[in-house]
Amino acid sequence: MYIYNIEYNHEVLPVEKMSEDHFAVYGHDGVLFLVCKEDNEGASHWFEEGKDNETQLTSELGVLIEHSDLCDSFDHEA
């Protein structure tokens, strides 16, 4: 597992890469487990683990993760 920091809302949040498409984001409110899924058009969508809708928060965190070195060899699964 790999841990990397991202900056979100003027806070530094540790992110742990759990697998190729699962990430744990550690914030002051607890841990948010994110899953990245790719749709049939190739676009990435970020969900809280166990939920089936993308929120503004999961989308914004996902974009930051995608632009970090956590996803250098990112291989999404639909």
N, C-alpha and C. Protein backbone atom coordinates (compact mmCIF):
# COMPACT_ATOMS: atom_id res chain seq x y z
N MET A 1 0.83 -1.17 0.00
CA MET A 1 0.00 0.00 0.00
C MET A 1 0.88 1.24 0.00
N TYR A 2 0.34 2.28 -0.59
CA TYR A 2 1.09 3.51 -0.78
C TYR A 2 0.29 4.67 -0.19
N ILE A 3 0.94 5.55 0.55
CA ILE A 3 0.28 6.71 1.14
C ILE A 3 0.85 7.98 0.53
N TYR A 4 -0.03 8.88 0.17
CA TYR A 4 0.32 10.13 -0.50
C TYR A 4 -0.57 11.23 0.08
N ASN A 5 -0.11 12.45 0.09
CA ASN A 5 -0.92 13.57 0.58
C ASN A 5 -1.48 14.37 -0.57
N ILE A 6 -2.76 14.77 -0.43
CA ILE A 6 -3.37 15.69 -1.37
C ILE A 6 -3.84 16.90 -0.57
N GLU A 7 -3.98 18.03 -1.24
CA GLU A 7 -4.49 19.21 -0.57
C GLU A 7 -5.92 19.44 -1.03
N TYR A 8 -6.83 19.55 -0.07
CA TYR A 8 -8.25 19.77 -0.36
C TYR A 8 -8.80 20.76 0.66
N ASN A 9 -9.42 21.83 0.20
CA ASN A 9 -9.99 22.85 1.08
C ASN A 9 -8.97 23.36 2.09
N HIS A 10 -7.77 23.62 1.64
CA HIS A 10 -6.70 24.16 2.48
C HIS A 10 -6.25 23.19 3.58
N GLU A 11 -6.53 21.92 3.40
CA GLU A 11 -6.09 20.88 4.34
C GLU A 11 -5.26 19.86 3.58
N VAL A 12 -4.29 19.30 4.25
CA VAL A 12 -3.51 18.20 3.69
C VAL A 12 -4.13 16.91 4.19
N LEU A 13 -4.56 16.08 3.23
CA LEU A 13 -5.22 14.83 3.56
C LEU A 13 -4.38 13.65 3.09
N PRO A 14 -4.04 12.74 3.99
CA PRO A 14 -3.36 11.52 3.57
C PRO A 14 -4.32 10.63 2.79
N VAL A 15 -3.82 10.05 1.71
CA VAL A 15 -4.59 9.12 0.89
C VAL A 15 -3.80 7.83 0.81
N GLU A 16 -4.47 6.72 1.08
CA GLU A 16 -3.83 5.41 1.00
C GLU A 16 -4.41 4.65 -0.18
N LYS A 17 -3.53 4.20 -1.06
CA LYS A 17 -3.96 3.39 -2.19
C LYS A 17 -4.10 1.96 -1.70
N MET A 18 -5.35 1.48 -1.66
CA MET A 18 -5.65 0.14 -1.15
C MET A 18 -5.51 -0.92 -2.26
N SER A 19 -5.91 -0.55 -3.46
CA SER A 19 -5.79 -1.40 -4.64
C SER A 19 -5.80 -0.48 -5.85
N GLU A 20 -5.88 -1.04 -7.03
CA GLU A 20 -5.84 -0.22 -8.25
C GLU A 20 -6.97 0.79 -8.32
N ASP A 21 -8.13 0.50 -7.72
CA ASP A 21 -9.26 1.41 -7.83
C ASP A 21 -9.92 1.74 -6.49
N HIS A 22 -9.30 1.37 -5.39
CA HIS A 22 -9.82 1.66 -4.05
C HIS A 22 -8.81 2.50 -3.27
N PHE A 23 -9.33 3.58 -2.65
CA PHE A 23 -8.48 4.52 -1.92
C PHE A 23 -9.14 4.89 -0.60
N ALA A 24 -8.33 5.15 0.41
CA ALA A 24 -8.81 5.63 1.70
C ALA A 24 -8.29 7.05 1.88
N VAL A 25 -9.21 7.99 2.11
CA VAL A 25 -8.84 9.39 2.33
C VAL A 25 -9.06 9.69 3.81
N TYR A 26 -8.01 10.10 4.49
CA TYR A 26 -8.06 10.34 5.93
C TYR A 26 -8.24 11.83 6.20
N GLY A 27 -9.36 12.19 6.82
CA GLY A 27 -9.63 13.58 7.16
C GLY A 27 -9.99 13.70 8.62
N HIS A 28 -10.23 14.93 9.07
CA HIS A 28 -10.55 15.14 10.48
C HIS A 28 -11.91 14.54 10.85
N ASP A 29 -12.77 14.27 9.86
CA ASP A 29 -14.07 13.66 10.13
C ASP A 29 -14.04 12.14 10.06
N GLY A 30 -12.87 11.57 9.79
CA GLY A 30 -12.75 10.12 9.69
C GLY A 30 -12.18 9.71 8.35
N VAL A 31 -12.41 8.46 8.00
CA VAL A 31 -11.87 7.90 6.76
C VAL A 31 -12.98 7.78 5.74
N LEU A 32 -12.71 8.24 4.53
CA LEU A 32 -13.64 8.11 3.41
C LEU A 32 -13.02 7.12 2.44
N PHE A 33 -13.72 6.02 2.21
CA PHE A 33 -13.23 5.00 1.28
C PHE A 33 -13.83 5.28 -0.10
N LEU A 34 -12.96 5.49 -1.08
CA LEU A 34 -13.40 5.82 -2.43
C LEU A 34 -13.08 4.71 -3.40
N VAL A 35 -13.98 4.54 -4.38
CA VAL A 35 -13.81 3.57 -5.45
C VAL A 35 -13.95 4.31 -6.77
N CYS A 36 -13.05 4.04 -7.69
CA CYS A 36 -13.12 4.65 -9.01
C CYS A 36 -13.64 3.61 -10.00
N LYS A 37 -14.67 4.02 -10.75
CA LYS A 37 -15.23 3.15 -11.78
C LYS A 37 -15.24 3.92 -13.09
N GLU A 38 -15.04 3.19 -14.16
CA GLU A 38 -15.04 3.79 -15.48
C GLU A 38 -16.33 3.42 -16.19
N ASP A 39 -16.99 4.42 -16.80
CA ASP A 39 -18.23 4.12 -17.52
C ASP A 39 -17.92 3.60 -18.92
N ASN A 40 -18.98 3.29 -19.67
CA ASN A 40 -18.78 2.69 -21.00
C ASN A 40 -18.18 3.67 -22.01
N GLU A 41 -18.10 4.94 -21.67
CA GLU A 41 -17.47 5.93 -22.54
C GLU A 41 -16.04 6.25 -22.11
N GLY A 42 -15.57 5.60 -21.06
CA GLY A 42 -14.20 5.78 -20.61
C GLY A 42 -14.00 6.85 -19.57
N ALA A 43 -15.09 7.48 -19.10
CA ALA A 43 -14.96 8.52 -18.08
C ALA A 43 -14.89 7.89 -16.70
N SER A 44 -14.05 8.46 -15.83
CA SER A 44 -13.91 7.98 -14.46
C SER A 44 -14.96 8.62 -13.57
N HIS A 45 -15.52 7.83 -12.67
CA HIS A 45 -16.47 8.32 -11.69
C HIS A 45 -16.06 7.79 -10.33
N TRP A 46 -16.14 8.65 -9.32
CA TRP A 46 -15.68 8.32 -7.98
C TRP A 46 -16.87 8.20 -7.03
N PHE A 47 -16.92 7.07 -6.32
CA PHE A 47 -18.01 6.76 -5.41
C PHE A 47 -17.47 6.48 -4.02
N GLU A 48 -18.28 6.79 -3.03
CA GLU A 48 -17.96 6.32 -1.69
C GLU A 48 -18.25 4.83 -1.69
N GLU A 49 -17.35 4.04 -1.13
CA GLU A 49 -17.50 2.59 -1.13
C GLU A 49 -18.87 2.21 -0.56
N GLY A 50 -19.58 1.33 -1.28
CA GLY A 50 -20.89 0.87 -0.85
C GLY A 50 -22.04 1.73 -1.30
N LYS A 51 -21.74 2.82 -2.01
CA LYS A 51 -22.80 3.71 -2.50
C LYS A 51 -22.75 3.75 -4.03
N ASP A 52 -23.86 4.16 -4.63
CA ASP A 52 -23.92 4.10 -6.10
C ASP A 52 -24.10 5.45 -6.76
N ASN A 53 -23.73 6.52 -6.05
CA ASN A 53 -23.80 7.83 -6.70
C ASN A 53 -22.54 8.64 -6.40
N GLU A 54 -22.13 9.38 -7.42
CA GLU A 54 -20.98 10.25 -7.30
C GLU A 54 -21.46 11.58 -6.70
N THR A 55 -20.75 12.09 -5.72
CA THR A 55 -21.07 13.38 -5.12
C THR A 55 -20.02 14.39 -5.52
N GLN A 56 -20.28 15.65 -5.23
CA GLN A 56 -19.28 16.67 -5.52
C GLN A 56 -17.99 16.39 -4.76
N LEU A 57 -18.11 15.97 -3.50
CA LEU A 57 -16.93 15.67 -2.69
C LEU A 57 -16.14 14.51 -3.28
N THR A 58 -16.81 13.39 -3.60
CA THR A 58 -16.08 12.23 -4.13
C THR A 58 -15.45 12.56 -5.48
N SER A 59 -16.16 13.34 -6.29
CA SER A 59 -15.63 13.73 -7.59
C SER A 59 -14.38 14.60 -7.44
N GLU A 60 -14.45 15.60 -6.56
CA GLU A 60 -13.31 16.50 -6.36
C GLU A 60 -12.11 15.77 -5.79
N LEU A 61 -12.34 14.90 -4.81
CA LEU A 61 -11.23 14.12 -4.25
C LEU A 61 -10.65 13.18 -5.30
N GLY A 62 -11.53 12.58 -6.09
CA GLY A 62 -11.08 11.67 -7.14
C GLY A 62 -10.20 12.35 -8.16
N VAL A 63 -10.56 13.56 -8.56
CA VAL A 63 -9.74 14.31 -9.51
C VAL A 63 -8.36 14.58 -8.92
N LEU A 64 -8.31 14.94 -7.65
CA LEU A 64 -7.02 15.18 -7.00
C LEU A 64 -6.19 13.90 -6.95
N ILE A 65 -6.83 12.78 -6.67
CA ILE A 65 -6.13 11.49 -6.64
C ILE A 65 -5.62 11.15 -8.04
N GLU A 66 -6.46 11.34 -9.04
CA GLU A 66 -6.05 11.03 -10.42
C GLU A 66 -4.86 11.86 -10.87
N HIS A 67 -4.75 13.08 -10.37
CA HIS A 67 -3.66 13.96 -10.76
C HIS A 67 -2.43 13.82 -9.85
N SER A 68 -2.50 12.94 -8.90
CA SER A 68 -1.35 12.67 -8.05
C SER A 68 -0.58 11.49 -8.63
N ASP A 69 0.54 11.17 -8.05
CA ASP A 69 1.31 10.03 -8.56
C ASP A 69 0.74 8.70 -8.08
N LEU A 70 -0.39 8.71 -7.37
CA LEU A 70 -1.03 7.47 -6.96
C LEU A 70 -1.57 6.70 -8.15
N CYS A 71 -1.84 7.40 -9.22
CA CYS A 71 -2.51 6.77 -10.35
C CYS A 71 -1.61 6.67 -11.57
N ASP A 72 -0.32 6.62 -11.36
CA ASP A 72 0.59 6.53 -12.51
C ASP A 72 0.26 5.38 -13.43
N SER A 73 -0.06 4.23 -12.85
CA SER A 73 -0.41 3.07 -13.66
C SER A 73 -1.83 2.64 -13.34
N PHE A 74 -2.71 3.61 -13.27
CA PHE A 74 -4.09 3.39 -12.87
C PHE A 74 -4.82 2.56 -13.91
N ASP A 75 -5.39 1.45 -13.52
CA ASP A 75 -6.14 0.58 -14.41
C ASP A 75 -7.52 0.41 -13.84
N HIS A 76 -8.50 1.16 -14.35
CA HIS A 76 -9.87 1.15 -13.81
C HIS A 76 -10.59 -0.13 -14.19
N GLU A 77 -11.50 -0.55 -13.33
CA GLU A 77 -12.39 -1.66 -13.64
C GLU A 77 -13.81 -1.14 -13.56
N ALA A 78 -14.62 -1.50 -14.54
CA ALA A 78 -16.04 -1.06 -14.55
C ALA A 78 -16.87 -1.92 -13.63
